[in-house]
PDB file of N, CA and C in Angstrom:
ATOM      1  N   UNK A   1     101.842 130.178  71.363  1.00  0.00           N
ATOM      2  CA  UNK A   1     102.452 130.326  72.676  1.00  0.00           C
ATOM      3  C   UNK A   1     103.946 130.045  72.567  1.00  0.00           C
ATOM      4  N   UNK A   2     104.740 130.861  73.208  1.00  0.00           N
ATOM      5  CA  UNK A   2     106.188 130.690  73.225  1.00  0.00           C
ATOM      6  C   UNK A   2     106.541 129.646  74.278  1.00  0.00           C
ATOM      7  N   UNK A   3     107.450 128.740  73.913  1.00  0.00           N
ATOM      8  CA  UNK A   3     107.866 127.696  74.841  1.00  0.00           C
ATOM      9  C   UNK A   3     109.347 127.854  75.184  1.00  0.00           C
ATOM     10  N   UNK A   4     109.632 127.885  76.484  1.00  0.00           N
ATOM     11  CA  UNK A   4     110.995 128.001  76.987  1.00  0.00           C
ATOM     12  C   UNK A   4     111.272 126.758  77.822  1.00  0.00           C
ATOM     13  N   UNK A   5     112.374 126.074  77.517  1.00  0.00           N
ATOM     14  CA  UNK A   5     112.698 124.828  78.216  1.00  0.00           C
ATOM     15  C   UNK A   5     114.050 124.928  78.906  1.00  0.00           C
ATOM     16  N   UNK A   6     114.111 124.343  80.081  1.00  0.00           N
ATOM     17  CA  UNK A   6     115.361 124.132  80.791  1.00  0.00           C
ATOM     18  C   UNK A   6     115.621 122.635  80.745  1.00  0.00           C
ATOM     19  N   UNK A   7     116.772 122.238  80.211  1.00  0.00           N
ATOM     20  CA  UNK A   7     117.125 120.827  80.117  1.00  0.00           C
ATOM     21  C   UNK A   7     118.315 120.583  81.037  1.00  0.00           C
ATOM     22  N   UNK A   8     118.166 119.623  81.935  1.00  0.00           N
ATOM     23  CA  UNK A   8     119.221 119.305  82.888  1.00  0.00           C
ATOM     24  C   UNK A   8     119.182 117.825  83.229  1.00  0.00           C
ATOM     25  N   UNK A   9     120.174 117.393  83.947  1.00  0.00           N
ATOM     26  CA  UNK A   9     120.217 116.007  84.397  1.00  0.00           C
ATOM     27  C   UNK A   9     119.504 115.878  85.739  1.00  0.00           C
ATOM     28  N   UNK A  10     118.944 114.708  85.997  1.00  0.00           N
ATOM     29  CA  UNK A  10     118.273 114.426  87.251  1.00  0.00           C
ATOM     30  C   UNK A  10     119.263 114.515  88.414  1.00  0.00           C
ATOM     31  N   UNK A  11     120.501 114.086  88.177  1.00  0.00           N
ATOM     32  CA  UNK A  11     121.552 114.141  89.191  1.00  0.00           C
ATOM     33  C   UNK A  11     122.779 114.857  88.616  1.00  0.00           C
ATOM     34  N   UNK A  12     122.725 116.186  88.540  1.00  0.00           N
ATOM     35  CA  UNK A  12     123.832 116.944  87.946  1.00  0.00           C
ATOM     36  C   UNK A  12     125.019 117.102  88.905  1.00  0.00           C
ATOM     37  N   UNK A  13     126.117 117.592  88.370  1.00  0.00           N
ATOM     38  CA  UNK A  13     127.296 117.878  89.203  1.00  0.00           C
ATOM     39  C   UNK A  13     126.994 119.076  90.110  1.00  0.00           C
ATOM     40  N   UNK A  14     127.888 119.348  91.058  1.00  0.00           N
ATOM     41  CA  UNK A  14     127.668 120.430  92.024  1.00  0.00           C
ATOM     42  C   UNK A  14     127.495 121.795  91.361  1.00  0.00           C
ATOM     43  N   UNK A  15     128.368 122.109  90.412  1.00  0.00           N
ATOM     44  CA  UNK A  15     128.275 123.397  89.721  1.00  0.00           C
ATOM     45  C   UNK A  15     126.966 123.496  88.943  1.00  0.00           C
ATOM     46  N   UNK A  16     126.570 122.414  88.299  1.00  0.00           N
ATOM     47  CA  UNK A  16     125.324 122.406  87.521  1.00  0.00           C
ATOM     48  C   UNK A  16     124.105 122.578  88.419  1.00  0.00           C
ATOM     49  N   UNK A  17     124.161 122.038  89.624  1.00  0.00           N
ATOM     50  CA  UNK A  17     123.050 122.187  90.564  1.00  0.00           C
ATOM     51  C   UNK A  17     122.830 123.662  90.876  1.00  0.00           C
ATOM     52  N   UNK A  18     123.919 124.373  91.119  1.00  0.00           N
ATOM     53  CA  UNK A  18     123.826 125.797  91.456  1.00  0.00           C
ATOM     54  C   UNK A  18     123.234 126.579  90.286  1.00  0.00           C
ATOM     55  N   UNK A  19     123.773 126.381  89.094  1.00  0.00           N
ATOM     56  CA  UNK A  19     123.284 127.102  87.913  1.00  0.00           C
ATOM     57  C   UNK A  19     121.837 126.728  87.616  1.00  0.00           C
ATOM     58  N   UNK A  20     121.530 125.434  87.689  1.00  0.00           N
ATOM     59  CA  UNK A  20     120.164 124.971  87.413  1.00  0.00           C
ATOM     60  C   UNK A  20     119.171 125.590  88.382  1.00  0.00           C
ATOM     61  N   UNK A  21     119.505 125.627  89.657  1.00  0.00           N
ATOM     62  CA  UNK A  21     118.592 126.216  90.647  1.00  0.00           C
ATOM     63  C   UNK A  21     118.387 127.706  90.407  1.00  0.00           C
ATOM     64  N   UNK A  22     119.438 128.412  90.014  1.00  0.00           N
ATOM     65  CA  UNK A  22     119.298 129.840  89.697  1.00  0.00           C
ATOM     66  C   UNK A  22     118.406 130.042  88.473  1.00  0.00           C
ATOM     67  N   UNK A  23     118.548 129.181  87.473  1.00  0.00           N
ATOM     68  CA  UNK A  23     117.695 129.279  86.280  1.00  0.00           C
ATOM     69  C   UNK A  23     116.244 128.965  86.635  1.00  0.00           C
ATOM     70  N   UNK A  24     116.022 127.968  87.492  1.00  0.00           N
ATOM     71  CA  UNK A  24     114.662 127.640  87.922  1.00  0.00           C
ATOM     72  C   UNK A  24     114.015 128.832  88.625  1.00  0.00           C
ATOM     73  N   UNK A  25     114.782 129.519  89.477  1.00  0.00           N
ATOM     74  CA  UNK A  25     114.260 130.717  90.144  1.00  0.00           C
ATOM     75  C   UNK A  25     113.933 131.807  89.128  1.00  0.00           C
ATOM     76  N   UNK A  26     114.815 131.966  88.144  1.00  0.00           N
ATOM     77  CA  UNK A  26     114.586 132.950  87.089  1.00  0.00           C
ATOM     78  C   UNK A  26     113.312 132.608  86.311  1.00  0.00           C
ATOM     79  N   UNK A  27     113.115 131.328  86.002  1.00  0.00           N
ATOM     80  CA  UNK A  27     111.915 130.889  85.299  1.00  0.00           C
ATOM     81  C   UNK A  27     110.665 131.243  86.105  1.00  0.00           C
ATOM     82  N   UNK A  28     110.693 131.027  87.426  1.00  0.00           N
ATOM     83  CA  UNK A  28     109.532 131.340  88.272  1.00  0.00           C
ATOM     84  C   UNK A  28     109.205 132.829  88.217  1.00  0.00           C
ATOM     85  N   UNK A  29     110.235 133.662  88.285  1.00  0.00           N
ATOM     86  CA  UNK A  29     110.016 135.107  88.225  1.00  0.00           C
ATOM     87  C   UNK A  29     109.443 135.524  86.872  1.00  0.00           C
ATOM     88  N   UNK A  30     110.026 135.003  85.803  1.00  0.00           N
ATOM     89  CA  UNK A  30     109.560 135.357  84.463  1.00  0.00           C
ATOM     90  C   UNK A  30     108.172 134.797  84.184  1.00  0.00           C
ATOM     91  N   UNK A  31     107.883 133.615  84.711  1.00  0.00           N
ATOM     92  CA  UNK A  31     106.567 133.004  84.523  1.00  0.00           C
ATOM     93  C   UNK A  31     105.469 133.898  85.099  1.00  0.00           C
ATOM     94  N   UNK A  32     105.748 134.527  86.232  1.00  0.00           N
ATOM     95  CA  UNK A  32     104.775 135.431  86.848  1.00  0.00           C
ATOM     96  C   UNK A  32     104.568 136.688  85.998  1.00  0.00           C
ATOM     97  N   UNK A  33     105.613 137.107  85.296  1.00  0.00           N
ATOM     98  CA  UNK A  33     105.538 138.311  84.464  1.00  0.00           C
ATOM     99  C   UNK A  33     105.024 138.027  83.054  1.00  0.00           C
ATOM    100  N   UNK A  34     105.144 136.784  82.616  1.00  0.00           N
ATOM    101  CA  UNK A  34     104.827 136.435  81.228  1.00  0.00           C
ATOM    102  C   UNK A  34     103.895 135.209  81.178  1.00  0.00           C
ATOM    103  N   UNK A  35     102.613 135.400  81.474  1.00  0.00           N
ATOM    104  CA  UNK A  35     101.690 134.257  81.499  1.00  0.00           C
ATOM    105  C   UNK A  35     101.473 133.598  80.134  1.00  0.00           C
ATOM    106  N   UNK A  36     101.832 134.302  79.061  1.00  0.00           N
ATOM    107  CA  UNK A  36     101.663 133.751  77.721  1.00  0.00           C
ATOM    108  C   UNK A  36     102.807 132.832  77.299  1.00  0.00           C
ATOM    109  N   UNK A  37     103.763 132.613  78.208  1.00  0.00           N
ATOM    110  CA  UNK A  37     104.924 131.780  77.917  1.00  0.00           C
ATOM    111  C   UNK A  37     104.846 130.494  78.732  1.00  0.00           C
ATOM    112  N   UNK A  38     105.132 129.359  78.069  1.00  0.00           N
ATOM    113  CA  UNK A  38     105.159 128.063  78.754  1.00  0.00           C
ATOM    114  C   UNK A  38     106.607 127.750  79.138  1.00  0.00           C
ATOM    115  N   UNK A  39     106.862 127.710  80.439  1.00  0.00           N
ATOM    116  CA  UNK A  39     108.187 127.360  80.947  1.00  0.00           C
ATOM    117  C   UNK A  39     108.172 125.895  81.359  1.00  0.00           C
ATOM    118  N   UNK A  40     109.088 125.110  80.795  1.00  0.00           N
ATOM    119  CA  UNK A  40     109.139 123.674  81.042  1.00  0.00           C
ATOM    120  C   UNK A  40     110.522 123.283  81.533  1.00  0.00           C
ATOM    121  N   UNK A  41     110.559 122.367  82.496  1.00  0.00           N
ATOM    122  CA  UNK A  41     111.830 121.839  82.993  1.00  0.00           C
ATOM    123  C   UNK A  41     111.893 120.359  82.656  1.00  0.00           C
ATOM    124  N   UNK A  42     112.940 119.983  81.929  1.00  0.00           N
ATOM    125  CA  UNK A  42     113.144 118.589  81.536  1.00  0.00           C
ATOM    126  C   UNK A  42     114.356 118.066  82.298  1.00  0.00           C
ATOM    127  N   UNK A  43     114.126 117.061  83.152  1.00  0.00           N
ATOM    128  CA  UNK A  43     115.219 116.445  83.899  1.00  0.00           C
ATOM    129  C   UNK A  43     115.431 115.036  83.367  1.00  0.00           C
ATOM    130  N   UNK A  44     116.603 114.804  82.821  1.00  0.00           N
ATOM    131  CA  UNK A  44     116.914 113.516  82.195  1.00  0.00           C
ATOM    132  C   UNK A  44     117.687 112.621  83.158  1.00  0.00           C
ATOM    133  N   UNK A  45     117.557 111.331  82.946  1.00  0.00           N
ATOM    134  CA  UNK A  45     118.314 110.360  83.728  1.00  0.00           C
ATOM    135  C   UNK A  45     119.740 110.219  83.205  1.00  0.00           C
ATOM    136  N   UNK A  46     119.896 110.324  81.873  1.00  0.00           N
ATOM    137  CA  UNK A  46     121.207 110.121  81.249  1.00  0.00           C
ATOM    138  C   UNK A  46     121.377 111.101  80.094  1.00  0.00           C
ATOM    139  N   UNK A  47     122.603 111.522  79.878  1.00  0.00           N
ATOM    140  CA  UNK A  47     122.901 112.502  78.820  1.00  0.00           C
ATOM    141  C   UNK A  47     122.531 111.991  77.423  1.00  0.00           C
ATOM    142  N   UNK A  48     122.461 110.682  77.248  1.00  0.00           N
ATOM    143  CA  UNK A  48     122.086 110.110  75.947  1.00  0.00           C
ATOM    144  C   UNK A  48     120.675 110.523  75.536  1.00  0.00           C
ATOM    145  N   UNK A  49     119.851 110.905  76.503  1.00  0.00           N
ATOM    146  CA  UNK A  49     118.474 111.319  76.217  1.00  0.00           C
ATOM    147  C   UNK A  49     118.411 112.645  75.457  1.00  0.00           C
ATOM    148  N   UNK A  50     119.522 113.384  75.416  1.00  0.00           N
ATOM    149  CA  UNK A  50     119.547 114.665  74.699  1.00  0.00           C
ATOM    150  C   UNK A  50     119.212 114.518  73.225  1.00  0.00           C
ATOM    151  N   UNK A  51     119.543 113.390  72.646  1.00  0.00           N
ATOM    152  CA  UNK A  51     119.286 113.171  71.218  1.00  0.00           C
ATOM    153  C   UNK A  51     117.799 113.288  70.877  1.00  0.00           C
ATOM    154  N   UNK A  52     116.947 113.056  71.855  1.00  0.00           N
ATOM    155  CA  UNK A  52     115.501 113.108  71.625  1.00  0.00           C
ATOM    156  C   UNK A  52     114.921 114.514  71.803  1.00  0.00           C
ATOM    157  N   UNK A  53     115.740 115.467  72.221  1.00  0.00           N
ATOM    158  CA  UNK A  53     115.240 116.817  72.468  1.00  0.00           C
ATOM    159  C   UNK A  53     115.599 117.717  71.293  1.00  0.00           C
ATOM    160  N   UNK A  54     114.581 118.199  70.631  1.00  0.00           N
ATOM    161  CA  UNK A  54     114.748 119.039  69.447  1.00  0.00           C
ATOM    162  C   UNK A  54     115.417 120.369  69.813  1.00  0.00           C
ATOM    163  N   UNK A  55     116.413 120.749  69.022  1.00  0.00           N
ATOM    164  CA  UNK A  55     117.052 122.042  69.181  1.00  0.00           C
ATOM    165  C   UNK A  55     118.374 122.021  69.920  1.00  0.00           C
ATOM    166  N   UNK A  56     118.709 120.907  70.565  1.00  0.00           N
ATOM    167  CA  UNK A  56     119.960 120.833  71.317  1.00  0.00           C
ATOM    168  C   UNK A  56     121.125 120.711  70.341  1.00  0.00           C
ATOM    169  N   UNK A  57     122.074 121.630  70.474  1.00  0.00           N
ATOM    170  CA  UNK A  57     123.264 121.618  69.613  1.00  0.00           C
ATOM    171  C   UNK A  57     124.529 121.355  70.417  1.00  0.00           C
ATOM    172  N   UNK A  58     124.657 121.993  71.578  1.00  0.00           N
ATOM    173  CA  UNK A  58     125.836 121.837  72.430  1.00  0.00           C
ATOM    174  C   UNK A  58     125.414 121.066  73.672  1.00  0.00           C
ATOM    175  N   UNK A  59     126.058 119.945  73.903  1.00  0.00           N
ATOM    176  CA  UNK A  59     125.677 119.067  75.013  1.00  0.00           C
ATOM    177  C   UNK A  59     126.410 119.430  76.296  1.00  0.00           C
ATOM    178  N   UNK A  60     126.091 120.606  76.830  1.00  0.00           N
ATOM    179  CA  UNK A  60     126.668 121.072  78.078  1.00  0.00           C
ATOM    180  C   UNK A  60     125.517 121.552  78.953  1.00  0.00           C
ATOM    181  N   UNK A  61     125.422 121.030  80.151  1.00  0.00           N
ATOM    182  CA  UNK A  61     124.279 121.304  81.026  1.00  0.00           C
ATOM    183  C   UNK A  61     124.521 122.499  81.938  1.00  0.00           C
ATOM    184  N   UNK A  62     123.443 123.149  82.352  1.00  0.00           N
ATOM    185  CA  UNK A  62     122.073 123.052  81.863  1.00  0.00           C
ATOM    186  C   UNK A  62     121.910 123.803  80.540  1.00  0.00           C
ATOM    187  N   UNK A  63     120.862 123.435  79.831  1.00  0.00           N
ATOM    188  CA  UNK A  63     120.576 124.001  78.510  1.00  0.00           C
ATOM    189  C   UNK A  63     119.258 124.770  78.576  1.00  0.00           C
ATOM    190  N   UNK A  64     119.214 125.928  77.921  1.00  0.00           N
ATOM    191  CA  UNK A  64     117.957 126.666  77.776  1.00  0.00           C
ATOM    192  C   UNK A  64     117.622 126.729  76.296  1.00  0.00           C
ATOM    193  N   UNK A  65     116.377 126.367  75.991  1.00  0.00           N
ATOM    194  CA  UNK A  65     115.860 126.415  74.618  1.00  0.00           C
ATOM    195  C   UNK A  65     114.665 127.365  74.579  1.00  0.00           C
ATOM    196  N   UNK A  66     114.610 128.194  73.553  1.00  0.00           N
ATOM    197  CA  UNK A  66     113.432 129.023  73.298  1.00  0.00           C
ATOM    198  C   UNK A  66     112.933 128.638  71.920  1.00  0.00           C
ATOM    199  N   UNK A  67     111.688 128.166  71.867  1.00  0.00           N
ATOM    200  CA  UNK A  67     111.102 127.703  70.605  1.00  0.00           C
ATOM    201  C   UNK A  67     112.046 126.698  69.918  1.00  0.00           C
ATOM    202  N   UNK A  68     112.570 125.764  70.692  1.00  0.00           N
ATOM    203  CA  UNK A  68     113.469 124.708  70.204  1.00  0.00           C
ATOM    204  C   UNK A  68     114.756 125.244  69.590  1.00  0.00           C
ATOM    205  N   UNK A  69     115.198 126.417  70.027  1.00  0.00           N
ATOM    206  CA  UNK A  69     116.480 126.969  69.609  1.00  0.00           C
ATOM    207  C   UNK A  69     117.328 127.162  70.864  1.00  0.00           C
ATOM    208  N   UNK A  70     118.506 126.555  70.877  1.00  0.00           N
ATOM    209  CA  UNK A  70     119.366 126.620  72.049  1.00  0.00           C
ATOM    210  C   UNK A  70     119.974 128.010  72.188  1.00  0.00           C
ATOM    211  N   UNK A  71     119.793 128.590  73.382  1.00  0.00           N
ATOM    212  CA  UNK A  71     120.348 129.924  73.623  1.00  0.00           C
ATOM    213  C   UNK A  71     121.374 129.916  74.754  1.00  0.00           C
ATOM    214  N   UNK A  72     121.510 128.785  75.428  1.00  0.00           N
ATOM    215  CA  UNK A  72     122.438 128.703  76.552  1.00  0.00           C
ATOM    216  C   UNK A  72     122.894 127.265  76.725  1.00  0.00           C
ATOM    217  N   UNK A  73     124.173 127.101  77.107  1.00  0.00           N
ATOM    218  CA  UNK A  73     124.720 125.774  77.385  1.00  0.00           C
ATOM    219  C   UNK A  73     125.728 125.881  78.519  1.00  0.00           C
ATOM    220  N   UNK A  74     125.359 125.394  79.688  1.00  0.00           N
ATOM    221  CA  UNK A  74     126.276 125.356  80.815  1.00  0.00           C
ATOM    222  C   UNK A  74     126.541 126.679  81.485  1.00  0.00           C
ATOM    223  N   UNK A  75     125.716 127.673  81.218  1.00  0.00           N
ATOM    224  CA  UNK A  75     125.944 128.979  81.836  1.00  0.00           C
ATOM    225  C   UNK A  75     124.624 129.604  82.271  1.00  0.00           C
ATOM    226  N   UNK A  76     124.747 130.631  83.085  1.00  0.00           N
ATOM    227  CA  UNK A  76     123.591 131.358  83.583  1.00  0.00           C
ATOM    228  C   UNK A  76     123.425 132.639  82.782  1.00  0.00           C
ATOM    229  N   UNK A  77     122.378 132.721  81.947  1.00  0.00           N
ATOM    230  CA  UNK A  77     122.186 133.952  81.174  1.00  0.00           C
ATOM    231  C   UNK A  77     121.675 135.081  82.063  1.00  0.00           C
ATOM    232  N   UNK A  78     121.936 136.282  81.647  1.00  0.00           N
ATOM    233  CA  UNK A  78     121.409 137.460  82.316  1.00  0.00           C
ATOM    234  C   UNK A  78     119.885 137.441  82.177  1.00  0.00           C
ATOM    235  N   UNK A  79     119.170 137.726  83.267  1.00  0.00           N
ATOM    236  CA  UNK A  79     117.697 137.658  83.244  1.00  0.00           C
ATOM    237  C   UNK A  79     117.106 138.645  82.235  1.00  0.00           C
ATOM    238  N   UNK A  80     117.657 139.847  82.159  1.00  0.00           N
ATOM    239  CA  UNK A  80     117.137 140.828  81.196  1.00  0.00           C
ATOM    240  C   UNK A  80     117.317 140.348  79.763  1.00  0.00           C
ATOM    241  N   UNK A  81     118.473 139.735  79.502  1.00  0.00           N
ATOM    242  CA  UNK A  81     118.753 139.208  78.161  1.00  0.00           C
ATOM    243  C   UNK A  81     117.788 138.071  77.819  1.00  0.00           C
ATOM    244  N   UNK A  82     117.576 137.167  78.768  1.00  0.00           N
ATOM    245  CA  UNK A  82     116.645 136.055  78.541  1.00  0.00           C
ATOM    246  C   UNK A  82     115.234 136.582  78.285  1.00  0.00           C
ATOM    247  N   UNK A  83     114.811 137.549  79.089  1.00  0.00           N
ATOM    248  CA  UNK A  83     113.485 138.140  78.913  1.00  0.00           C
ATOM    249  C   UNK A  83     113.357 138.805  77.547  1.00  0.00           C
ATOM    250  N   UNK A  84     114.414 139.498  77.124  1.00  0.00           N
ATOM    251  CA  UNK A  84     114.410 140.152  75.812  1.00  0.00           C
ATOM    252  C   UNK A  84     114.260 139.123  74.686  1.00  0.00           C
ATOM    253  N   UNK A  85     114.990 138.016  74.781  1.00  0.00           N
ATOM    254  CA  UNK A  85     114.881 136.971  73.758  1.00  0.00           C
ATOM    255  C   UNK A  85     113.470 136.387  73.694  1.00  0.00           C
ATOM    256  N   UNK A  86     112.874 136.190  74.850  1.00  0.00           N
ATOM    257  CA  UNK A  86     111.507 135.657  74.909  1.00  0.00           C
ATOM    258  C   UNK A  86     110.527 136.668  74.300  1.00  0.00           C
ATOM    259  N   UNK A  87     110.674 137.934  74.672  1.00  0.00           N
ATOM    260  CA  UNK A  87     109.779 138.975  74.152  1.00  0.00           C
ATOM    261  C   UNK A  87     109.886 139.100  72.631  1.00  0.00           C
ATOM    262  N   UNK A  88     111.082 138.899  72.087  1.00  0.00           N
ATOM    263  CA  UNK A  88     111.245 138.928  70.636  1.00  0.00           C
ATOM    264  C   UNK A  88     110.438 137.806  69.970  1.00  0.00           C
ATOM    265  N   UNK A  89     110.355 136.657  70.638  1.00  0.00           N
ATOM    266  CA  UNK A  89     109.573 135.540  70.095  1.00  0.00           C
ATOM    267  C   UNK A  89     108.076 135.809  70.201  1.00  0.00           C
ATOM    268  N   UNK A  90     107.681 136.501  71.260  1.00  0.00           N
ATOM    269  CA  UNK A  90     106.270 136.843  71.435  1.00  0.00           C
ATOM    270  C   UNK A  90     105.835 137.803  70.330  1.00  0.00           C
ATOM    271  N   UNK A  91     106.774 138.697  69.973  1.00  0.00           N
ATOM    272  CA  UNK A  91     106.560 139.612  68.852  1.00  0.00           C
ATOM    273  C   UNK A  91     105.702 140.748  69.186  1.00  0.00           C
TER     274      UNK A  91
END
């Protein structure tokens, strides 16, 4: 099973809240289209917790990981692009 994670802070800045909420909506849409994919949201209390998350390379929120490989840091990826990356992992 392919695993896609959204990593964010429990209390993010204003800009991060907007991006995080858009990514959460995108995850809901993709989850309905891709039942074979596990979408997980990790909300941390402090940025120091990032060290415990496998695959994080750039510490800029929010972060998207696919199969523990970081594909986004602090930005909103295009939904088609994200779906394509996930489908490549599904094979």
